[in-house]
C-alpha atoms as a PDB file:
ATOM      1  CA  UNK A   1     -25.863   9.980  44.874  1.00  0.00           C
ATOM      2  CA  UNK A   2     -22.058   9.577  44.943  1.00  0.00           C
ATOM      3  CA  UNK A   3     -19.235   8.547  42.611  1.00  0.00           C
ATOM      4  CA  UNK A   4     -18.812   4.821  43.164  1.00  0.00           C
ATOM      5  CA  UNK A   5     -15.868   4.130  40.873  1.00  0.00           C
ATOM      6  CA  UNK A   6     -14.447   4.908  37.446  1.00  0.00           C
ATOM      7  CA  UNK A   7     -12.517   3.338  34.587  1.00  0.00           C
ATOM      8  CA  UNK A   8      -9.380   4.332  32.764  1.00  0.00           C
ATOM      9  CA  UNK A   9      -9.600   5.997  29.379  1.00  0.00           C
ATOM     10  CA  UNK A  10      -8.786   4.322  26.064  1.00  0.00           C
ATOM     11  CA  UNK A  11      -7.217   6.836  23.659  1.00  0.00           C
ATOM     12  CA  UNK A  12      -7.982   6.913  19.932  1.00  0.00           C
ATOM     13  CA  UNK A  13     -10.657   4.234  20.059  1.00  0.00           C
ATOM     14  CA  UNK A  14     -14.155   4.423  18.604  1.00  0.00           C
ATOM     15  CA  UNK A  15     -15.233   1.048  20.025  1.00  0.00           C
ATOM     16  CA  UNK A  16     -13.693   0.853  23.514  1.00  0.00           C
ATOM     17  CA  UNK A  17     -14.116  -2.205  25.737  1.00  0.00           C
ATOM     18  CA  UNK A  18     -13.071  -1.331  29.262  1.00  0.00           C
ATOM     19  CA  UNK A  19     -11.585  -4.147  31.319  1.00  0.00           C
ATOM     20  CA  UNK A  20     -12.397  -2.724  34.754  1.00  0.00           C
ATOM     21  CA  UNK A  21     -14.925  -4.705  36.777  1.00  0.00           C
ATOM     22  CA  UNK A  22     -16.664  -3.072  39.721  1.00  0.00           C
ATOM     23  CA  UNK A  23     -18.216  -4.860  42.687  1.00  0.00           C
ATOM     24  CA  UNK A  24     -21.201  -3.285  44.414  1.00  0.00           C
ATOM     25  CA  UNK A  25     -23.811  -4.365  46.956  1.00  0.00           C
ATOM     26  CA  UNK A  26     -27.285  -5.276  45.723  1.00  0.00           C
ATOM     27  CA  UNK A  27     -30.038  -6.371  48.099  1.00  0.00           C
ATOM     28  CA  UNK A  28     -32.259  -8.850  46.233  1.00  0.00           C
ATOM     29  CA  UNK A  29     -35.061  -8.273  48.776  1.00  0.00           C
ATOM     30  CA  UNK A  30     -35.433  -4.702  47.590  1.00  0.00           C
ATOM     31  CA  UNK A  31     -37.090  -3.816  44.314  1.00  0.00           C
ATOM     32  CA  UNK A  32     -34.831  -0.979  43.202  1.00  0.00           C
ATOM     33  CA  UNK A  33     -31.038  -0.544  43.038  1.00  0.00           C
ATOM     34  CA  UNK A  34     -30.369   2.359  40.646  1.00  0.00           C
ATOM     35  CA  UNK A  35     -27.088   2.856  38.842  1.00  0.00           C
ATOM     36  CA  UNK A  36     -26.000   5.860  36.796  1.00  0.00           C
ATOM     37  CA  UNK A  37     -23.098   5.833  34.325  1.00  0.00           C
ATOM     38  CA  UNK A  38     -21.660   9.079  32.946  1.00  0.00           C
ATOM     39  CA  UNK A  39     -19.357   9.113  29.907  1.00  0.00           C
ATOM     40  CA  UNK A  40     -16.761  11.732  29.018  1.00  0.00           C
ATOM     41  CA  UNK A  41     -14.475  12.492  26.102  1.00  0.00           C
ATOM     42  CA  UNK A  42     -10.877  12.632  27.337  1.00  0.00           C
ATOM     43  CA  UNK A  43      -9.037  15.712  26.095  1.00  0.00           C
ATOM     44  CA  UNK A  44      -5.882  15.028  28.125  1.00  0.00           C
ATOM     45  CA  UNK A  45      -4.596  12.195  25.910  1.00  0.00           C
ATOM     46  CA  UNK A  46      -1.072  12.171  27.374  1.00  0.00           C
ATOM     47  CA  UNK A  47      -2.387  11.532  30.890  1.00  0.00           C
ATOM     48  CA  UNK A  48      -4.789   8.937  29.525  1.00  0.00           C
ATOM     49  CA  UNK A  49      -1.935   7.008  27.904  1.00  0.00           C
ATOM     50  CA  UNK A  50      -0.082   6.870  31.232  1.00  0.00           C
ATOM     51  CA  UNK A  51      -3.180   5.684  33.065  1.00  0.00           C
ATOM     52  CA  UNK A  52      -3.766   2.938  30.501  1.00  0.00           C
ATOM     53  CA  UNK A  53      -0.440   1.359  31.464  1.00  0.00           C
ATOM     54  CA  UNK A  54      -1.357   1.158  35.146  1.00  0.00           C
ATOM     55  CA  UNK A  55      -3.107  -1.760  36.790  1.00  0.00           C
ATOM     56  CA  UNK A  56      -6.884  -2.191  36.574  1.00  0.00           C
ATOM     57  CA  UNK A  57      -9.079  -0.121  38.823  1.00  0.00           C
ATOM     58  CA  UNK A  58     -10.847  -2.043  41.586  1.00  0.00           C
ATOM     59  CA  UNK A  59     -13.699  -0.940  43.774  1.00  0.00           C
ATOM     60  CA  UNK A  60     -12.753  -0.476  47.421  1.00  0.00           C
ATOM     61  CA  UNK A  61     -15.798  -2.220  48.796  1.00  0.00           C
ATOM     62  CA  UNK A  62     -14.784  -5.224  50.875  1.00  0.00           C
ATOM     63  CA  UNK A  63     -17.999  -5.848  52.790  1.00  0.00           C
ATOM     64  CA  UNK A  64     -18.816  -9.555  53.080  1.00  0.00           C
ATOM     65  CA  UNK A  65     -22.195  -9.894  51.395  1.00  0.00           C
ATOM     66  CA  UNK A  66     -23.476 -12.747  49.272  1.00  0.00           C
ATOM     67  CA  UNK A  67     -25.615 -10.352  47.249  1.00  0.00           C
ATOM     68  CA  UNK A  68     -22.717  -8.341  45.821  1.00  0.00           C
ATOM     69  CA  UNK A  69     -22.564  -8.160  42.044  1.00  0.00           C
ATOM     70  CA  UNK A  70     -19.983  -7.611  39.354  1.00  0.00           C
ATOM     71  CA  UNK A  71     -20.278  -4.999  36.642  1.00  0.00           C
ATOM     72  CA  UNK A  72     -18.545  -5.220  33.291  1.00  0.00           C
ATOM     73  CA  UNK A  73     -18.742  -2.191  31.015  1.00  0.00           C
ATOM     74  CA  UNK A  74     -18.227  -2.251  27.285  1.00  0.00           C
ATOM     75  CA  UNK A  75     -19.081   0.238  24.579  1.00  0.00           C
ATOM     76  CA  UNK A  76     -19.356  -0.077  20.820  1.00  0.00           C
ATOM     77  CA  UNK A  77     -19.828   2.200  17.836  1.00  0.00           C
ATOM     78  CA  UNK A  78     -19.075   5.440  19.663  1.00  0.00           C
ATOM     79  CA  UNK A  79     -18.680   8.457  17.408  1.00  0.00           C
ATOM     80  CA  UNK A  80     -15.802  10.064  19.330  1.00  0.00           C
ATOM     81  CA  UNK A  81     -12.826   9.216  21.544  1.00  0.00           C
ATOM     82  CA  UNK A  82     -14.239   8.075  24.869  1.00  0.00           C
ATOM     83  CA  UNK A  83     -13.177   8.638  28.403  1.00  0.00           C
ATOM     84  CA  UNK A  84     -14.829   7.794  31.694  1.00  0.00           C
ATOM     85  CA  UNK A  85     -13.400   8.869  35.020  1.00  0.00           C
ATOM     86  CA  UNK A  86      -9.781   7.745  35.442  1.00  0.00           C
ATOM     87  CA  UNK A  87      -8.248   6.284  38.623  1.00  0.00           C
ATOM     88  CA  UNK A  88      -6.428   9.364  39.843  1.00  0.00           C
ATOM     89  CA  UNK A  89      -7.872  12.167  37.702  1.00  0.00           C
ATOM     90  CA  UNK A  90     -11.615  12.652  37.573  1.00  0.00           C
ATOM     91  CA  UNK A  91     -13.179  14.305  34.578  1.00  0.00           C
ATOM     92  CA  UNK A  92     -12.256  17.961  34.258  1.00  0.00           C
ATOM     93  CA  UNK A  93     -14.116  20.975  32.959  1.00  0.00           C
ATOM     94  CA  UNK A  94     -12.473  20.585  29.544  1.00  0.00           C
ATOM     95  CA  UNK A  95     -13.770  17.017  29.110  1.00  0.00           C
ATOM     96  CA  UNK A  96     -17.195  17.227  27.435  1.00  0.00           C
ATOM     97  CA  UNK A  97     -19.904  14.809  28.486  1.00  0.00           C
ATOM     98  CA  UNK A  98     -20.758  12.017  26.063  1.00  0.00           C
ATOM     99  CA  UNK A  99     -24.070  11.023  27.612  1.00  0.00           C
ATOM    100  CA  UNK A 100     -25.360   9.037  30.534  1.00  0.00           C
ATOM    101  CA  UNK A 101     -27.232   5.835  31.295  1.00  0.00           C
ATOM    102  CA  UNK A 102     -29.654   5.237  34.164  1.00  0.00           C
ATOM    103  CA  UNK A 103     -30.273   1.546  34.820  1.00  0.00           C
ATOM    104  CA  UNK A 104     -31.477  -0.773  37.583  1.00  0.00           C
ATOM    105  CA  UNK A 105     -29.291  -3.658  38.751  1.00  0.00           C
ATOM    106  CA  UNK A 106     -32.040  -6.212  39.410  1.00  0.00           C
ATOM    107  CA  UNK A 107     -33.611  -5.664  36.000  1.00  0.00           C
ATOM    108  CA  UNK A 108     -30.353  -6.370  34.156  1.00  0.00           C
ATOM    109  CA  UNK A 109     -29.729  -9.526  36.188  1.00  0.00           C
ATOM    110  CA  UNK A 110     -32.941 -11.024  34.769  1.00  0.00           C
ATOM    111  CA  UNK A 111     -32.295 -10.011  31.154  1.00  0.00           C
ATOM    112  CA  UNK A 112     -30.930 -12.260  28.411  1.00  0.00           C
ATOM    113  CA  UNK A 113     -27.129 -12.452  28.724  1.00  0.00           C
ATOM    114  CA  UNK A 114     -27.549 -10.217  31.808  1.00  0.00           C
ATOM    115  CA  UNK A 115     -26.766  -7.233  29.610  1.00  0.00           C
ATOM    116  CA  UNK A 116     -28.586  -4.028  28.689  1.00  0.00           C
ATOM    117  CA  UNK A 117     -28.018  -1.907  25.592  1.00  0.00           C
ATOM    118  CA  UNK A 118     -28.517   1.818  26.158  1.00  0.00           C
ATOM    119  CA  UNK A 119     -28.757   4.145  23.154  1.00  0.00           C
ATOM    120  CA  UNK A 120     -26.981   7.456  23.717  1.00  0.00           C
ATOM    121  CA  UNK A 121     -28.365  10.769  22.495  1.00  0.00           C
ATOM    122  CA  UNK A 122     -24.850  11.758  21.356  1.00  0.00           C
ATOM    123  CA  UNK A 123     -24.624   8.697  19.116  1.00  0.00           C
ATOM    124  CA  UNK A 124     -23.527   5.146  19.693  1.00  0.00           C
ATOM    125  CA  UNK A 125     -24.587   2.931  22.550  1.00  0.00           C
ATOM    126  CA  UNK A 126     -23.428   1.621  25.902  1.00  0.00           C
ATOM    127  CA  UNK A 127     -23.587  -2.052  26.931  1.00  0.00           C
ATOM    128  CA  UNK A 128     -23.821  -2.696  30.678  1.00  0.00           C
ATOM    129  CA  UNK A 129     -23.227  -6.271  31.824  1.00  0.00           C
ATOM    130  CA  UNK A 130     -23.986  -7.352  35.415  1.00  0.00           C
ATOM    131  CA  UNK A 131     -23.476 -10.804  36.935  1.00  0.00           C
ATOM    132  CA  UNK A 132     -23.708 -12.291  40.409  1.00  0.00           C
ATOM    133  CA  UNK A 133     -20.585 -12.282  42.536  1.00  0.00           C
ATOM    134  CA  UNK A 134     -19.290 -15.440  44.194  1.00  0.00           C
ATOM    135  CA  UNK A 135     -19.756 -15.762  47.950  1.00  0.00           C
ATOM    136  CA  UNK A 136     -17.113 -13.743  49.765  1.00  0.00           C
ATOM    137  CA  UNK A 137     -15.168 -15.783  52.295  1.00  0.00           C
ATOM    138  CA  UNK A 138     -11.719 -15.302  53.864  1.00  0.00           C
ATOM    139  CA  UNK A 139     -10.888 -18.982  53.282  1.00  0.00           C
ATOM    140  CA  UNK A 140      -9.196 -20.086  50.050  1.00  0.00           C
ATOM    141  CA  UNK A 141     -11.892 -22.619  49.047  1.00  0.00           C
ATOM    142  CA  UNK A 142     -15.602 -22.667  49.859  1.00  0.00           C
ATOM    143  CA  UNK A 143     -18.381 -25.096  48.914  1.00  0.00           C
ATOM    144  CA  UNK A 144     -20.489 -24.495  45.824  1.00  0.00           C
ATOM    145  CA  UNK A 145     -23.800 -23.241  47.233  1.00  0.00           C
ATOM    146  CA  UNK A 146     -24.679 -20.297  44.998  1.00  0.00           C
ATOM    147  CA  UNK A 147     -27.878 -19.750  43.048  1.00  0.00           C
ATOM    148  CA  UNK A 148     -29.261 -16.877  41.031  1.00  0.00           C
ATOM    149  CA  UNK A 149     -32.811 -15.695  40.621  1.00  0.00           C
ATOM    150  CA  UNK A 150     -34.009 -15.951  37.003  1.00  0.00           C
ATOM    151  CA  UNK A 151     -37.200 -15.113  35.229  1.00  0.00           C
ATOM    152  CA  UNK A 152     -38.282 -18.761  35.481  1.00  0.00           C
ATOM    153  CA  UNK A 153     -37.266 -19.425  39.081  1.00  0.00           C
ATOM    154  CA  UNK A 154     -34.169 -20.456  40.992  1.00  0.00           C
ATOM    155  CA  UNK A 155     -31.333 -22.119  39.061  1.00  0.00           C
ATOM    156  CA  UNK A 156     -27.775 -22.827  40.187  1.00  0.00           C
ATOM    157  CA  UNK A 157     -24.697 -21.126  38.802  1.00  0.00           C
ATOM    158  CA  UNK A 158     -22.817 -23.948  37.097  1.00  0.00           C
ATOM    159  CA  UNK A 159     -19.154 -24.350  38.032  1.00  0.00           C
ATOM    160  CA  UNK A 160     -16.877 -27.043  36.683  1.00  0.00           C
ATOM    161  CA  UNK A 161     -15.109 -27.377  40.045  1.00  0.00           C
ATOM    162  CA  UNK A 162     -16.636 -28.626  43.281  1.00  0.00           C
ATOM    163  CA  UNK A 163     -15.076 -25.631  45.040  1.00  0.00           C
ATOM    164  CA  UNK A 164     -14.912 -21.919  44.474  1.00  0.00           C
ATOM    165  CA  UNK A 165     -11.388 -20.564  44.906  1.00  0.00           C
ATOM    166  CA  UNK A 166     -10.758 -17.065  46.179  1.00  0.00           C
ATOM    167  CA  UNK A 167      -7.523 -15.146  46.061  1.00  0.00           C
ATOM    168  CA  UNK A 168      -5.364 -13.301  43.540  1.00  0.00           C
ATOM    169  CA  UNK A 169      -3.891 -14.676  40.343  1.00  0.00           C
ATOM    170  CA  UNK A 170      -0.449 -13.402  39.367  1.00  0.00           C
ATOM    171  CA  UNK A 171       0.832 -13.962  35.845  1.00  0.00           C
ATOM    172  CA  UNK A 172       3.681 -12.920  33.558  1.00  0.00           C
ATOM    173  CA  UNK A 173       3.554 -13.422  29.773  1.00  0.00           C
ATOM    174  CA  UNK A 174       5.916 -12.788  26.894  1.00  0.00           C
ATOM    175  CA  UNK A 175       5.579 -13.047  23.129  1.00  0.00           C
ATOM    176  CA  UNK A 176       8.003 -14.859  20.845  1.00  0.00           C
ATOM    177  CA  UNK A 177       8.353 -14.466  17.073  1.00  0.00           C
ATOM    178  CA  UNK A 178       5.139 -12.481  16.660  1.00  0.00           C
ATOM    179  CA  UNK A 179       4.274 -11.838  13.034  1.00  0.00           C
ATOM    180  CA  UNK A 180       5.319  -8.338  12.014  1.00  0.00           C
ATOM    181  CA  UNK A 181       2.293  -6.898  10.233  1.00  0.00           C
ATOM    182  CA  UNK A 182       3.723  -3.386  10.345  1.00  0.00           C
ATOM    183  CA  UNK A 183       7.071  -3.228   8.573  1.00  0.00           C
ATOM    184  CA  UNK A 184       7.200   0.573   8.496  1.00  0.00           C
ATOM    185  CA  UNK A 185       9.482   2.785   6.434  1.00  0.00           C
ATOM    186  CA  UNK A 186      12.174   0.795   4.591  1.00  0.00           C
ATOM    187  CA  UNK A 187      11.039  -2.316   6.448  1.00  0.00           C
ATOM    188  CA  UNK A 188      12.640  -1.128   9.697  1.00  0.00           C
ATOM    189  CA  UNK A 189       9.515  -0.799  11.832  1.00  0.00           C
ATOM    190  CA  UNK A 190       7.744  -3.413  13.914  1.00  0.00           C
ATOM    191  CA  UNK A 191       4.425  -3.959  15.645  1.00  0.00           C
ATOM    192  CA  UNK A 192       3.470  -2.363  18.978  1.00  0.00           C
ATOM    193  CA  UNK A 193       1.881  -5.416  20.631  1.00  0.00           C
ATOM    194  CA  UNK A 194      -0.360  -5.704  23.669  1.00  0.00           C
ATOM    195  CA  UNK A 195      -2.556  -8.552  24.862  1.00  0.00           C
ATOM    196  CA  UNK A 196      -6.103  -8.767  26.201  1.00  0.00           C
ATOM    197  CA  UNK A 197      -7.207 -11.485  28.627  1.00  0.00           C
ATOM    198  CA  UNK A 198     -10.875 -12.501  28.371  1.00  0.00           C
ATOM    199  CA  UNK A 199     -13.063 -14.761  30.497  1.00  0.00           C
ATOM    200  CA  UNK A 200     -15.860 -16.967  29.167  1.00  0.00           C
ATOM    201  CA  UNK A 201     -19.438 -16.200  30.148  1.00  0.00           C
ATOM    202  CA  UNK A 202     -22.557 -18.344  29.712  1.00  0.00           C
ATOM    203  CA  UNK A 203     -26.024 -16.869  30.228  1.00  0.00           C
ATOM    204  CA  UNK A 204     -27.611 -18.400  33.372  1.00  0.00           C
ATOM    205  CA  UNK A 205     -31.034 -17.103  32.286  1.00  0.00           C
ATOM    206  CA  UNK A 206     -31.095 -19.367  29.218  1.00  0.00           C
ATOM    207  CA  UNK A 207     -32.495 -22.840  29.810  1.00  0.00           C
ATOM    208  CA  UNK A 208     -30.254 -25.607  28.521  1.00  0.00           C
ATOM    209  CA  UNK A 209     -27.230 -23.326  28.459  1.00  0.00           C
ATOM    210  CA  UNK A 210     -25.981 -21.058  25.684  1.00  0.00           C
ATOM    211  CA  UNK A 211     -22.869 -20.572  23.611  1.00  0.00           C
ATOM    212  CA  UNK A 212     -20.235 -18.773  25.714  1.00  0.00           C
ATOM    213  CA  UNK A 213     -19.008 -15.344  24.832  1.00  0.00           C
ATOM    214  CA  UNK A 214     -15.839 -13.686  26.072  1.00  0.00           C
ATOM    215  CA  UNK A 215     -15.583 -10.599  28.273  1.00  0.00           C
ATOM    216  CA  UNK A 216     -12.276  -8.660  28.583  1.00  0.00           C
ATOM    217  CA  UNK A 217     -10.922  -8.519  32.140  1.00  0.00           C
ATOM    218  CA  UNK A 218      -7.345  -7.303  31.631  1.00  0.00           C
ATOM    219  CA  UNK A 219      -5.457  -5.325  28.984  1.00  0.00           C
ATOM    220  CA  UNK A 220      -1.668  -5.104  29.082  1.00  0.00           C
ATOM    221  CA  UNK A 221       0.487  -2.134  28.200  1.00  0.00           C
ATOM    222  CA  UNK A 222       1.700  -1.933  24.602  1.00  0.00           C
ATOM    223  CA  UNK A 223       5.426  -2.161  23.798  1.00  0.00           C
ATOM    224  CA  UNK A 224       6.621  -0.194  20.752  1.00  0.00           C
ATOM    225  CA  UNK A 225       8.471  -1.718  17.790  1.00  0.00           C
ATOM    226  CA  UNK A 226       9.058  -5.285  18.958  1.00  0.00           C
ATOM    227  CA  UNK A 227       8.164  -8.833  17.941  1.00  0.00           C
ATOM    228  CA  UNK A 228       9.480 -10.516  21.111  1.00  0.00           C
ATOM    229  CA  UNK A 229       7.778  -8.483  23.856  1.00  0.00           C
ATOM    230  CA  UNK A 230       8.089  -8.949  27.609  1.00  0.00           C
ATOM    231  CA  UNK A 231       4.892  -7.516  29.064  1.00  0.00           C
ATOM    232  CA  UNK A 232       4.764  -6.430  32.691  1.00  0.00           C
ATOM    233  CA  UNK A 233       3.587  -8.991  35.263  1.00  0.00           C
ATOM    234  CA  UNK A 234      -0.009  -8.475  36.358  1.00  0.00           C
ATOM    235  CA  UNK A 235      -2.335  -9.535  39.166  1.00  0.00           C
ATOM    236  CA  UNK A 236      -6.101  -9.954  39.079  1.00  0.00           C
ATOM    237  CA  UNK A 237      -8.680 -11.115  41.586  1.00  0.00           C
ATOM    238  CA  UNK A 238      -9.921 -14.651  40.857  1.00  0.00           C
ATOM    239  CA  UNK A 239     -13.524 -13.567  41.145  1.00  0.00           C
ATOM    240  CA  UNK A 240     -13.088 -11.029  38.384  1.00  0.00           C
ATOM    241  CA  UNK A 241     -10.993 -13.386  36.275  1.00  0.00           C
ATOM    242  CA  UNK A 242     -13.027 -16.584  36.472  1.00  0.00           C
ATOM    243  CA  UNK A 243     -15.667 -16.297  39.218  1.00  0.00           C
ATOM    244  CA  UNK A 244     -13.481 -18.523  41.356  1.00  0.00           C
ATOM    245  CA  UNK A 245     -13.660 -21.442  38.906  1.00  0.00           C
ATOM    246  CA  UNK A 246     -10.059 -22.366  38.112  1.00  0.00           C
ATOM    247  CA  UNK A 247     -11.133 -24.442  35.090  1.00  0.00           C
ATOM    248  CA  UNK A 248     -13.306 -21.786  33.442  1.00  0.00           C
ATOM    249  CA  UNK A 249     -12.159 -21.269  29.865  1.00  0.00           C
ATOM    250  CA  UNK A 250     -10.141 -18.134  29.110  1.00  0.00           C
ATOM    251  CA  UNK A 251      -9.047 -16.466  25.882  1.00  0.00           C
ATOM    252  CA  UNK A 252      -6.001 -14.352  25.043  1.00  0.00           C
ATOM    253  CA  UNK A 253      -5.911 -11.909  22.122  1.00  0.00           C
ATOM    254  CA  UNK A 254      -2.875 -10.004  20.838  1.00  0.00           C
ATOM    255  CA  UNK A 255      -3.268  -6.640  19.088  1.00  0.00           C
ATOM    256  CA  UNK A 256      -1.008  -4.147  17.345  1.00  0.00           C
ATOM    257  CA  UNK A 257      -1.579  -0.650  18.721  1.00  0.00           C
ATOM    258  CA  UNK A 258      -1.960   2.064  16.099  1.00  0.00           C
ATOM    259  CA  UNK A 259      -1.450   5.782  16.588  1.00  0.00           C
ATOM    260  CA  UNK A 260      -2.830   8.793  14.780  1.00  0.00           C
ATOM    261  CA  UNK A 261      -6.428   7.861  15.560  1.00  0.00           C
ATOM    262  CA  UNK A 262      -6.310   4.594  13.594  1.00  0.00           C
ATOM    263  CA  UNK A 263      -7.997   1.470  14.906  1.00  0.00           C
ATOM    264  CA  UNK A 264      -5.737  -1.149  16.480  1.00  0.00           C
ATOM    265  CA  UNK A 265      -5.062  -4.205  14.314  1.00  0.00           C
ATOM    266  CA  UNK A 266      -5.839  -7.732  15.439  1.00  0.00           C
ATOM    267  CA  UNK A 267      -2.885 -10.129  15.338  1.00  0.00           C
ATOM    268  CA  UNK A 268      -4.155 -13.442  16.724  1.00  0.00           C
ATOM    269  CA  UNK A 269      -5.608 -15.357  19.665  1.00  0.00           C
ATOM    270  CA  UNK A 270      -5.696 -18.664  21.503  1.00  0.00           C
ATOM    271  CA  UNK A 271      -8.068 -20.357  23.931  1.00  0.00           C
ATOM    272  CA  UNK A 272      -7.045 -21.600  27.362  1.00  0.00           C
ATOM    273  CA  UNK A 273      -9.650 -24.333  27.699  1.00  0.00           C
ATOM    274  CA  UNK A 274      -8.392 -25.392  31.131  1.00  0.00           C
ATOM    275  CA  UNK A 275      -8.434 -21.881  32.511  1.00  0.00           C
ATOM    276  CA  UNK A 276      -6.188 -20.827  35.365  1.00  0.00           C
ATOM    277  CA  UNK A 277      -5.220 -24.431  36.046  1.00  0.00           C
ATOM    278  CA  UNK A 278      -3.885 -24.789  32.498  1.00  0.00           C
ATOM    279  CA  UNK A 279      -1.964 -21.508  32.682  1.00  0.00           C
ATOM    280  CA  UNK A 280      -0.258 -22.625  35.888  1.00  0.00           C
ATOM    281  CA  UNK A 281       0.581 -25.968  34.286  1.00  0.00           C
ATOM    282  CA  UNK A 282       2.051 -24.256  31.214  1.00  0.00           C
ATOM    283  CA  UNK A 283       4.755 -22.225  32.951  1.00  0.00           C
ATOM    284  CA  UNK A 284       7.989 -22.557  30.986  1.00  0.00           C
ATOM    285  CA  UNK A 285      10.461 -25.079  32.319  1.00  0.00           C
ATOM    286  CA  UNK A 286      13.313 -24.429  29.919  1.00  0.00           C
ATOM    287  CA  UNK A 287      13.901 -20.687  30.060  1.00  0.00           C
ATOM    288  CA  UNK A 288      12.100 -17.662  28.688  1.00  0.00           C
ATOM    289  CA  UNK A 289      12.420 -18.801  25.055  1.00  0.00           C
ATOM    290  CA  UNK A 290      11.370 -22.439  25.534  1.00  0.00           C
ATOM    291  CA  UNK A 291       8.697 -23.384  23.003  1.00  0.00           C
ATOM    292  CA  UNK A 292       7.652 -26.709  24.540  1.00  0.00           C
ATOM    293  CA  UNK A 293       4.879 -25.351  26.788  1.00  0.00           C
ATOM    294  CA  UNK A 294       4.115 -22.202  24.760  1.00  0.00           C
ATOM    295  CA  UNK A 295       0.652 -21.340  23.475  1.00  0.00           C
ATOM    296  CA  UNK A 296       0.273 -21.073  19.689  1.00  0.00           C
ATOM    297  CA  UNK A 297      -1.158 -17.746  18.563  1.00  0.00           C
ATOM    298  CA  UNK A 298      -3.533 -18.319  15.628  1.00  0.00           C
ATOM    299  CA  UNK A 299      -5.131 -16.076  13.027  1.00  0.00           C
ATOM    300  CA  UNK A 300      -7.996 -17.065  10.719  1.00  0.00           C
ATOM    301  CA  UNK A 301      -9.036 -15.611   7.384  1.00  0.00           C
ATOM    302  CA  UNK A 302     -12.597 -14.283   7.143  1.00  0.00           C
ATOM    303  CA  UNK A 303     -13.845 -17.319   5.231  1.00  0.00           C
ATOM    304  CA  UNK A 304     -11.920 -19.796   7.371  1.00  0.00           C
ATOM    305  CA  UNK A 305     -13.479 -21.721  10.256  1.00  0.00           C
ATOM    306  CA  UNK A 306     -11.613 -22.046  13.570  1.00  0.00           C
ATOM    307  CA  UNK A 307     -11.735 -25.835  13.269  1.00  0.00           C
ATOM    308  CA  UNK A 308      -9.604 -25.640  10.118  1.00  0.00           C
ATOM    309  CA  UNK A 309      -6.459 -24.735  12.031  1.00  0.00           C
ATOM    310  CA  UNK A 310      -5.631 -21.181  10.981  1.00  0.00           C
ATOM    311  CA  UNK A 311      -2.197 -19.629  10.556  1.00  0.00           C
ATOM    312  CA  UNK A 312       0.315 -19.549  13.380  1.00  0.00           C
ATOM    313  CA  UNK A 313       1.430 -15.961  13.972  1.00  0.00           C
ATOM    314  CA  UNK A 314       3.617 -16.357  17.052  1.00  0.00           C
ATOM    315  CA  UNK A 315       3.978 -17.918  20.476  1.00  0.00           C
ATOM    316  CA  UNK A 316       2.966 -16.794  23.948  1.00  0.00           C
ATOM    317  CA  UNK A 317       5.132 -18.083  26.786  1.00  0.00           C
ATOM    318  CA  UNK A 318       3.961 -18.181  30.403  1.00  0.00           C
ATOM    319  CA  UNK A 319       6.852 -17.053  32.587  1.00  0.00           C
ATOM    320  CA  UNK A 320       4.910 -17.137  35.835  1.00  0.00           C
ATOM    321  CA  UNK A 321       1.396 -18.150  36.908  1.00  0.00           C
ATOM    322  CA  UNK A 322       0.432 -18.595  40.547  1.00  0.00           C
ATOM    323  CA  UNK A 323      -2.372 -18.037  43.050  1.00  0.00           C
ATOM    324  CA  UNK A 324      -1.580 -15.854  46.044  1.00  0.00           C
END
C-alpha cells in the first residue's frame, strides 16, 4: 500500500466537510479495488490554519482512463478536532490517530447515493462518497457517451448539455453589505466571513431520479472583521466542480468563522441554477460595487420555507468568472 493523497485540516470543527476531491483509477473489470482512509487529530493548529488558506489539494494522477473515479470525503459528528494528512506536512508523531476506514470502490459505486457511512471506534462516523469521472480528453469539448454500471443494469449519466467541457474554471468573488451577526465588544467587531462553493449531485442508482443534494468542492479563506470582503481568486477543475456540465446547478454558502473552539455560524446562501454559465454571465459590468448583476444572499428562519423568500443578508458580486 502507499499514500495516495491527503486533505487539509479544518481547525476547531467537530463536523468537518473537506472540499478536496481525489481522482484515482478503478478498473471495472476487476472485482476488488480497496481503499483505506486514516484520520488524525491535528495538534499543530497554527500550521493547519495556514494550510486551510491555500488552494485545494489535487491528486497528481493524469493518466487518461475512462474508468477513473472521483472521491469526496465528508465527516460528521466527530468527537474531537479532526485532521487528515495535509498537503505539505504529513501527520506527525504527536498527531494521534482518530480511526480508519477500509472500503471497496466498486461497492460504493453501486450503493444508494454512491456513499458509505463508516462508524469509527473512536466515536463519530466517516462518509465516503465516490462517483464516476468524466471521460478524460485533451480537447475542450467531447461528446456525451458516458454510462455507469448500476445494480439494475446500465444507465446513462444525465447531463443537461450535449457536450462535456473540460478545463479549469477561474473565479473571483466579493461580498457587499453582509449582515454583521457579530458586533463584538462595544459594537466595534464584525464577522469573519468565508464562502463555500457546492455542486449539486443526483443519485444515478435511483430510478426516476432523486432530489439533488449539495457537495462542497471549494472553501475560501476567512477574512477577519469585515462586512465587505474581497476573497482571493480561485481556480478549480471543471470535472471536480460540475462534472464538465456547465449548466449543473451550484450553491454558495457564506459562514462566519468562530474561534475558541466554537462552531462557525451560518450567514446565508444562494443557488446558481444555471451553474458555471450563469456565473460567467453575472460578472459585474459596473465596477466592484455594482449591484445590478449581484447574487442575493438569503437566510431563512427554521419554520420558514425557501419558497417564501427569506431575508436578504447581503450581496455576492462576481468580479471574474472564466474557463481556461
